């Protein structure tokens, strides 16, 4: 029964991430999408930082988020992620044995998510939005690994996972849990992003 509930939320997560990615496709970005992106990430999707190494597929900040959403949706759809009912170092080596977080992921070659006590509390209470946020969030750690999306103030990353999760929810006209919005707001960003260039 629990697996059926999780699989239902994963299907929603895939749909949400693909919609968010589609909205950020160059040439299809609406004014509403550009405004939402600015509100969450503090720059418009067309912003190109001086340090960004562009490619045919990634030319601006909107592309960075688009690609991340699309690839994490593909990872969720692949069925390669293994879920465990408790956070333990045995099942998720990077996580330790504290079962207090909503979830914790193993990176690199492992495709493992350990679900913590708050996730199961959400399931018992029927808090589908909170479960969905957890299931959207964790695969970003797996796909991009510690150096890109780890929760570090010194990483200089672009907004972090919580901002991408907030964007995915809002792009689908859904309201994420308050913890997602707050963590996005609190996330350190590069100095270059403190100013609006467009």
C-alpha atoms as a PDB file:
ATOM      1  CA  UNK A   1       0.000   0.000   0.000  1.00  0.00           C
ATOM      2  CA  UNK A   2       2.822   2.403   0.887  1.00  0.00           C
ATOM      3  CA  UNK A   3       4.617   1.597  -2.367  1.00  0.00           C
ATOM      4  CA  UNK A   4       1.466   2.360  -4.350  1.00  0.00           C
ATOM      5  CA  UNK A   5       1.205   5.756  -2.649  1.00  0.00           C
ATOM      6  CA  UNK A   6       4.885   6.494  -3.336  1.00  0.00           C
ATOM      7  CA  UNK A   7       4.588   5.433  -6.980  1.00  0.00           C
ATOM      8  CA  UNK A   8       1.565   7.702  -7.414  1.00  0.00           C
ATOM      9  CA  UNK A   9       3.531  10.662  -6.081  1.00  0.00           C
ATOM     10  CA  UNK A  10       6.534   9.780  -8.251  1.00  0.00           C
ATOM     11  CA  UNK A  11       4.298   9.875 -11.322  1.00  0.00           C
ATOM     12  CA  UNK A  12       3.122  13.354 -10.283  1.00  0.00           C
ATOM     13  CA  UNK A  13       6.735  14.436  -9.678  1.00  0.00           C
ATOM     14  CA  UNK A  14       7.779  13.316 -13.170  1.00  0.00           C
ATOM     15  CA  UNK A  15       4.903  15.220 -14.755  1.00  0.00           C
ATOM     16  CA  UNK A  16       5.681  18.361 -12.725  1.00  0.00           C
ATOM     17  CA  UNK A  17       9.396  18.322 -13.560  1.00  0.00           C
ATOM     18  CA  UNK A  18       8.741  17.791 -17.270  1.00  0.00           C
ATOM     19  CA  UNK A  19       6.253  20.660 -17.335  1.00  0.00           C
ATOM     20  CA  UNK A  20       8.751  22.928 -15.563  1.00  0.00           C
ATOM     21  CA  UNK A  21      11.430  21.937 -18.088  1.00  0.00           C
ATOM     22  CA  UNK A  22       9.095  22.537 -21.035  1.00  0.00           C
ATOM     23  CA  UNK A  23       8.209  25.996 -19.723  1.00  0.00           C
ATOM     24  CA  UNK A  24      11.906  26.927 -19.761  1.00  0.00           C
ATOM     25  CA  UNK A  25      12.560  25.849 -23.345  1.00  0.00           C
ATOM     26  CA  UNK A  26      14.120  28.776 -25.206  1.00  0.00           C
ATOM     27  CA  UNK A  27      11.583  30.308 -27.567  1.00  0.00           C
ATOM     28  CA  UNK A  28       8.654  29.054 -25.458  1.00  0.00           C
ATOM     29  CA  UNK A  29       9.220  31.035 -22.265  1.00  0.00           C
ATOM     30  CA  UNK A  30       6.147  33.082 -21.446  1.00  0.00           C
ATOM     31  CA  UNK A  31       6.200  36.315 -19.486  1.00  0.00           C
ATOM     32  CA  UNK A  32       4.651  34.471 -16.559  1.00  0.00           C
ATOM     33  CA  UNK A  33       7.485  31.914 -16.619  1.00  0.00           C
ATOM     34  CA  UNK A  34      10.132  34.644 -16.808  1.00  0.00           C
ATOM     35  CA  UNK A  35       8.527  36.494 -13.892  1.00  0.00           C
ATOM     36  CA  UNK A  36       8.263  33.330 -11.791  1.00  0.00           C
ATOM     37  CA  UNK A  37      11.893  32.505 -12.501  1.00  0.00           C
ATOM     38  CA  UNK A  38      12.947  36.010 -11.445  1.00  0.00           C
ATOM     39  CA  UNK A  39      10.942  35.786  -8.222  1.00  0.00           C
ATOM     40  CA  UNK A  40      12.545  32.480  -7.218  1.00  0.00           C
ATOM     41  CA  UNK A  41      16.075  32.683  -8.641  1.00  0.00           C
ATOM     42  CA  UNK A  42      16.566  36.484  -8.520  1.00  0.00           C
ATOM     43  CA  UNK A  43      17.422  36.714 -12.220  1.00  0.00           C
ATOM     44  CA  UNK A  44      15.475  36.108 -15.407  1.00  0.00           C
ATOM     45  CA  UNK A  45      16.010  32.811 -17.243  1.00  0.00           C
ATOM     46  CA  UNK A  46      17.930  34.573 -20.019  1.00  0.00           C
ATOM     47  CA  UNK A  47      20.649  35.712 -17.619  1.00  0.00           C
ATOM     48  CA  UNK A  48      24.130  34.494 -18.609  1.00  0.00           C
ATOM     49  CA  UNK A  49      26.701  34.686 -15.792  1.00  0.00           C
ATOM     50  CA  UNK A  50      30.311  35.316 -16.790  1.00  0.00           C
ATOM     51  CA  UNK A  51      31.414  31.956 -15.377  1.00  0.00           C
ATOM     52  CA  UNK A  52      28.824  29.830 -17.216  1.00  0.00           C
ATOM     53  CA  UNK A  53      30.369  27.531 -19.811  1.00  0.00           C
ATOM     54  CA  UNK A  54      27.731  27.591 -22.503  1.00  0.00           C
ATOM     55  CA  UNK A  55      26.973  24.782 -24.933  1.00  0.00           C
ATOM     56  CA  UNK A  56      24.387  24.094 -27.627  1.00  0.00           C
ATOM     57  CA  UNK A  57      22.037  22.837 -24.911  1.00  0.00           C
ATOM     58  CA  UNK A  58      22.848  25.270 -22.110  1.00  0.00           C
ATOM     59  CA  UNK A  59      23.085  28.954 -23.006  1.00  0.00           C
ATOM     60  CA  UNK A  60      21.605  30.689 -19.933  1.00  0.00           C
ATOM     61  CA  UNK A  61      20.262  30.203 -16.429  1.00  0.00           C
ATOM     62  CA  UNK A  62      16.886  29.040 -17.664  1.00  0.00           C
ATOM     63  CA  UNK A  63      18.613  26.239 -19.535  1.00  0.00           C
ATOM     64  CA  UNK A  64      20.482  25.184 -16.382  1.00  0.00           C
ATOM     65  CA  UNK A  65      17.211  24.678 -14.504  1.00  0.00           C
ATOM     66  CA  UNK A  66      15.487  23.186 -17.579  1.00  0.00           C
ATOM     67  CA  UNK A  67      18.151  20.526 -18.013  1.00  0.00           C
ATOM     68  CA  UNK A  68      18.210  19.679 -14.326  1.00  0.00           C
ATOM     69  CA  UNK A  69      14.432  19.241 -14.197  1.00  0.00           C
ATOM     70  CA  UNK A  70      14.367  17.129 -17.360  1.00  0.00           C
ATOM     71  CA  UNK A  71      17.196  14.848 -16.292  1.00  0.00           C
ATOM     72  CA  UNK A  72      15.827  14.289 -12.810  1.00  0.00           C
ATOM     73  CA  UNK A  73      12.416  13.504 -14.315  1.00  0.00           C
ATOM     74  CA  UNK A  74      14.157  10.910 -16.495  1.00  0.00           C
ATOM     75  CA  UNK A  75      15.927   9.471 -13.456  1.00  0.00           C
ATOM     76  CA  UNK A  76      12.642   9.114 -11.582  1.00  0.00           C
ATOM     77  CA  UNK A  77      11.015   7.534 -14.642  1.00  0.00           C
ATOM     78  CA  UNK A  78      13.883   5.065 -15.102  1.00  0.00           C
ATOM     79  CA  UNK A  79      12.867   2.954 -12.112  1.00  0.00           C
ATOM     80  CA  UNK A  80      16.537   2.703 -11.062  1.00  0.00           C
ATOM     81  CA  UNK A  81      16.033   4.406  -7.706  1.00  0.00           C
ATOM     82  CA  UNK A  82      15.786   2.019  -4.769  1.00  0.00           C
ATOM     83  CA  UNK A  83      13.835   3.170  -1.717  1.00  0.00           C
ATOM     84  CA  UNK A  84      14.358   2.123   1.893  1.00  0.00           C
ATOM     85  CA  UNK A  85      11.898   2.639   4.748  1.00  0.00           C
ATOM     86  CA  UNK A  86      14.451   4.019   7.231  1.00  0.00           C
ATOM     87  CA  UNK A  87      17.588   6.152   7.083  1.00  0.00           C
ATOM     88  CA  UNK A  88      20.567   3.952   7.915  1.00  0.00           C
ATOM     89  CA  UNK A  89      24.222   4.034   6.958  1.00  0.00           C
ATOM     90  CA  UNK A  90      23.868   0.449   5.752  1.00  0.00           C
ATOM     91  CA  UNK A  91      21.278   1.413   3.132  1.00  0.00           C
ATOM     92  CA  UNK A  92      22.391   4.993   2.392  1.00  0.00           C
ATOM     93  CA  UNK A  93      26.131   5.196   3.124  1.00  0.00           C
ATOM     94  CA  UNK A  94      26.357   9.007   3.035  1.00  0.00           C
ATOM     95  CA  UNK A  95      23.498   9.453   5.491  1.00  0.00           C
ATOM     96  CA  UNK A  96      24.422   7.942   8.835  1.00  0.00           C
ATOM     97  CA  UNK A  97      21.750   6.500  11.108  1.00  0.00           C
ATOM     98  CA  UNK A  98      19.683   9.561  12.047  1.00  0.00           C
ATOM     99  CA  UNK A  99      16.092   8.921  10.983  1.00  0.00           C
ATOM    100  CA  UNK A 100      14.941  12.501  11.712  1.00  0.00           C
ATOM    101  CA  UNK A 101      15.171  14.044   8.188  1.00  0.00           C
ATOM    102  CA  UNK A 102      12.366  13.616   5.660  1.00  0.00           C
ATOM    103  CA  UNK A 103      14.783  11.582   3.534  1.00  0.00           C
ATOM    104  CA  UNK A 104      18.439  11.154   2.631  1.00  0.00           C
ATOM    105  CA  UNK A 105      20.096  10.018  -0.604  1.00  0.00           C
ATOM    106  CA  UNK A 106      23.199   8.161  -1.639  1.00  0.00           C
ATOM    107  CA  UNK A 107      25.151   9.706  -4.470  1.00  0.00           C
ATOM    108  CA  UNK A 108      27.387   8.603  -7.319  1.00  0.00           C
ATOM    109  CA  UNK A 109      26.901   5.062  -8.538  1.00  0.00           C
ATOM    110  CA  UNK A 110      24.208   4.359  -5.948  1.00  0.00           C
ATOM    111  CA  UNK A 111      20.622   5.276  -6.733  1.00  0.00           C
ATOM    112  CA  UNK A 112      19.196   5.008  -3.237  1.00  0.00           C
ATOM    113  CA  UNK A 113      16.771   7.105  -1.207  1.00  0.00           C
ATOM    114  CA  UNK A 114      16.169   6.348   2.472  1.00  0.00           C
ATOM    115  CA  UNK A 115      12.865   7.716   3.746  1.00  0.00           C
ATOM    116  CA  UNK A 116      12.908   9.140   7.280  1.00  0.00           C
ATOM    117  CA  UNK A 117      10.290   9.315   9.992  1.00  0.00           C
ATOM    118  CA  UNK A 118       8.783  12.676   8.881  1.00  0.00           C
ATOM    119  CA  UNK A 119       8.022  11.172   5.456  1.00  0.00           C
ATOM    120  CA  UNK A 120       6.062   8.345   7.066  1.00  0.00           C
ATOM    121  CA  UNK A 121       4.339  10.827   9.380  1.00  0.00           C
ATOM    122  CA  UNK A 122       3.268  12.698   6.239  1.00  0.00           C
ATOM    123  CA  UNK A 123       1.929   9.492   4.717  1.00  0.00           C
ATOM    124  CA  UNK A 124      -0.063   8.595   7.810  1.00  0.00           C
ATOM    125  CA  UNK A 125      -1.505  12.112   7.957  1.00  0.00           C
ATOM    126  CA  UNK A 126      -2.282  12.202   4.229  1.00  0.00           C
ATOM    127  CA  UNK A 127       0.059  15.144   3.562  1.00  0.00           C
ATOM    128  CA  UNK A 128       0.549  14.367  -0.127  1.00  0.00           C
ATOM    129  CA  UNK A 129       2.141  17.735  -0.948  1.00  0.00           C
ATOM    130  CA  UNK A 130       4.893  17.224   1.612  1.00  0.00           C
ATOM    131  CA  UNK A 131       5.557  13.677   0.392  1.00  0.00           C
ATOM    132  CA  UNK A 132       5.673  14.971  -3.185  1.00  0.00           C
ATOM    133  CA  UNK A 133       8.187  17.684  -2.254  1.00  0.00           C
ATOM    134  CA  UNK A 134      10.462  15.076  -0.676  1.00  0.00           C
ATOM    135  CA  UNK A 135      10.243  12.794  -3.714  1.00  0.00           C
ATOM    136  CA  UNK A 136      10.988  15.683  -6.099  1.00  0.00           C
ATOM    137  CA  UNK A 137      13.890  16.920  -3.958  1.00  0.00           C
ATOM    138  CA  UNK A 138      15.932  13.797  -3.272  1.00  0.00           C
ATOM    139  CA  UNK A 139      16.725  12.643  -6.849  1.00  0.00           C
ATOM    140  CA  UNK A 140      18.527  15.941  -7.474  1.00  0.00           C
ATOM    141  CA  UNK A 141      21.124  14.828  -4.934  1.00  0.00           C
ATOM    142  CA  UNK A 142      21.547  11.515  -6.701  1.00  0.00           C
ATOM    143  CA  UNK A 143      21.815  12.975 -10.188  1.00  0.00           C
ATOM    144  CA  UNK A 144      24.084  15.911  -9.537  1.00  0.00           C
ATOM    145  CA  UNK A 145      26.018  14.627  -6.559  1.00  0.00           C
ATOM    146  CA  UNK A 146      27.461  16.393  -3.598  1.00  0.00           C
ATOM    147  CA  UNK A 147      29.478  19.133  -5.285  1.00  0.00           C
ATOM    148  CA  UNK A 148      26.603  20.612  -7.277  1.00  0.00           C
ATOM    149  CA  UNK A 149      23.595  20.406  -5.003  1.00  0.00           C
ATOM    150  CA  UNK A 150      24.844  19.634  -1.525  1.00  0.00           C
ATOM    151  CA  UNK A 151      23.401  21.957   1.134  1.00  0.00           C
ATOM    152  CA  UNK A 152      26.458  24.175   1.690  1.00  0.00           C
ATOM    153  CA  UNK A 153      26.493  27.942   2.083  1.00  0.00           C
ATOM    154  CA  UNK A 154      29.924  28.114   0.427  1.00  0.00           C
ATOM    155  CA  UNK A 155      29.040  26.135  -2.694  1.00  0.00           C
ATOM    156  CA  UNK A 156      28.105  29.183  -4.771  1.00  0.00           C
ATOM    157  CA  UNK A 157      25.494  27.164  -6.572  1.00  0.00           C
ATOM    158  CA  UNK A 158      22.500  28.631  -8.327  1.00  0.00           C
ATOM    159  CA  UNK A 159      19.733  28.675  -5.775  1.00  0.00           C
ATOM    160  CA  UNK A 160      19.978  25.038  -4.754  1.00  0.00           C
ATOM    161  CA  UNK A 161      17.510  22.191  -4.910  1.00  0.00           C
ATOM    162  CA  UNK A 162      14.782  23.859  -2.872  1.00  0.00           C
ATOM    163  CA  UNK A 163      14.533  26.716  -5.370  1.00  0.00           C
ATOM    164  CA  UNK A 164      14.196  24.258  -8.247  1.00  0.00           C
ATOM    165  CA  UNK A 165      11.531  22.353  -6.302  1.00  0.00           C
ATOM    166  CA  UNK A 166       9.677  25.614  -5.641  1.00  0.00           C
ATOM    167  CA  UNK A 167       9.861  26.487  -9.338  1.00  0.00           C
ATOM    168  CA  UNK A 168       8.544  23.041 -10.338  1.00  0.00           C
ATOM    169  CA  UNK A 169       5.604  23.347  -7.945  1.00  0.00           C
ATOM    170  CA  UNK A 170       4.753  26.910  -8.968  1.00  0.00           C
ATOM    171  CA  UNK A 171       5.132  26.175 -12.702  1.00  0.00           C
ATOM    172  CA  UNK A 172       2.432  23.538 -12.172  1.00  0.00           C
ATOM    173  CA  UNK A 173       0.243  25.968 -10.198  1.00  0.00           C
ATOM    174  CA  UNK A 174       0.844  24.082  -6.983  1.00  0.00           C
ATOM    175  CA  UNK A 175       1.923  25.434  -3.614  1.00  0.00           C
ATOM    176  CA  UNK A 176       4.954  23.685  -2.116  1.00  0.00           C
ATOM    177  CA  UNK A 177       5.332  23.150   1.628  1.00  0.00           C
ATOM    178  CA  UNK A 178       6.453  26.271   3.504  1.00  0.00           C
ATOM    179  CA  UNK A 179       9.785  24.608   4.325  1.00  0.00           C
ATOM    180  CA  UNK A 180      10.679  24.519   0.611  1.00  0.00           C
ATOM    181  CA  UNK A 181      10.034  28.226   0.093  1.00  0.00           C
ATOM    182  CA  UNK A 182      11.886  29.174   3.269  1.00  0.00           C
ATOM    183  CA  UNK A 183      14.943  27.081   2.430  1.00  0.00           C
ATOM    184  CA  UNK A 184      15.020  28.543  -1.057  1.00  0.00           C
ATOM    185  CA  UNK A 185      14.875  32.078   0.342  1.00  0.00           C
ATOM    186  CA  UNK A 186      17.653  31.294   2.829  1.00  0.00           C
ATOM    187  CA  UNK A 187      19.942  29.633   0.256  1.00  0.00           C
ATOM    188  CA  UNK A 188      23.159  31.492  -0.491  1.00  0.00           C
ATOM    189  CA  UNK A 189      23.657  32.511  -4.115  1.00  0.00           C
ATOM    190  CA  UNK A 190      26.597  33.848  -6.063  1.00  0.00           C
ATOM    191  CA  UNK A 191      27.353  37.553  -5.723  1.00  0.00           C
ATOM    192  CA  UNK A 192      26.757  37.879  -9.427  1.00  0.00           C
ATOM    193  CA  UNK A 193      23.113  37.013  -8.876  1.00  0.00           C
ATOM    194  CA  UNK A 194      22.467  39.821  -6.403  1.00  0.00           C
ATOM    195  CA  UNK A 195      21.727  42.200  -9.265  1.00  0.00           C
ATOM    196  CA  UNK A 196      19.145  42.062 -12.008  1.00  0.00           C
ATOM    197  CA  UNK A 197      20.821  42.515 -15.392  1.00  0.00           C
ATOM    198  CA  UNK A 198      17.810  42.203 -17.661  1.00  0.00           C
END
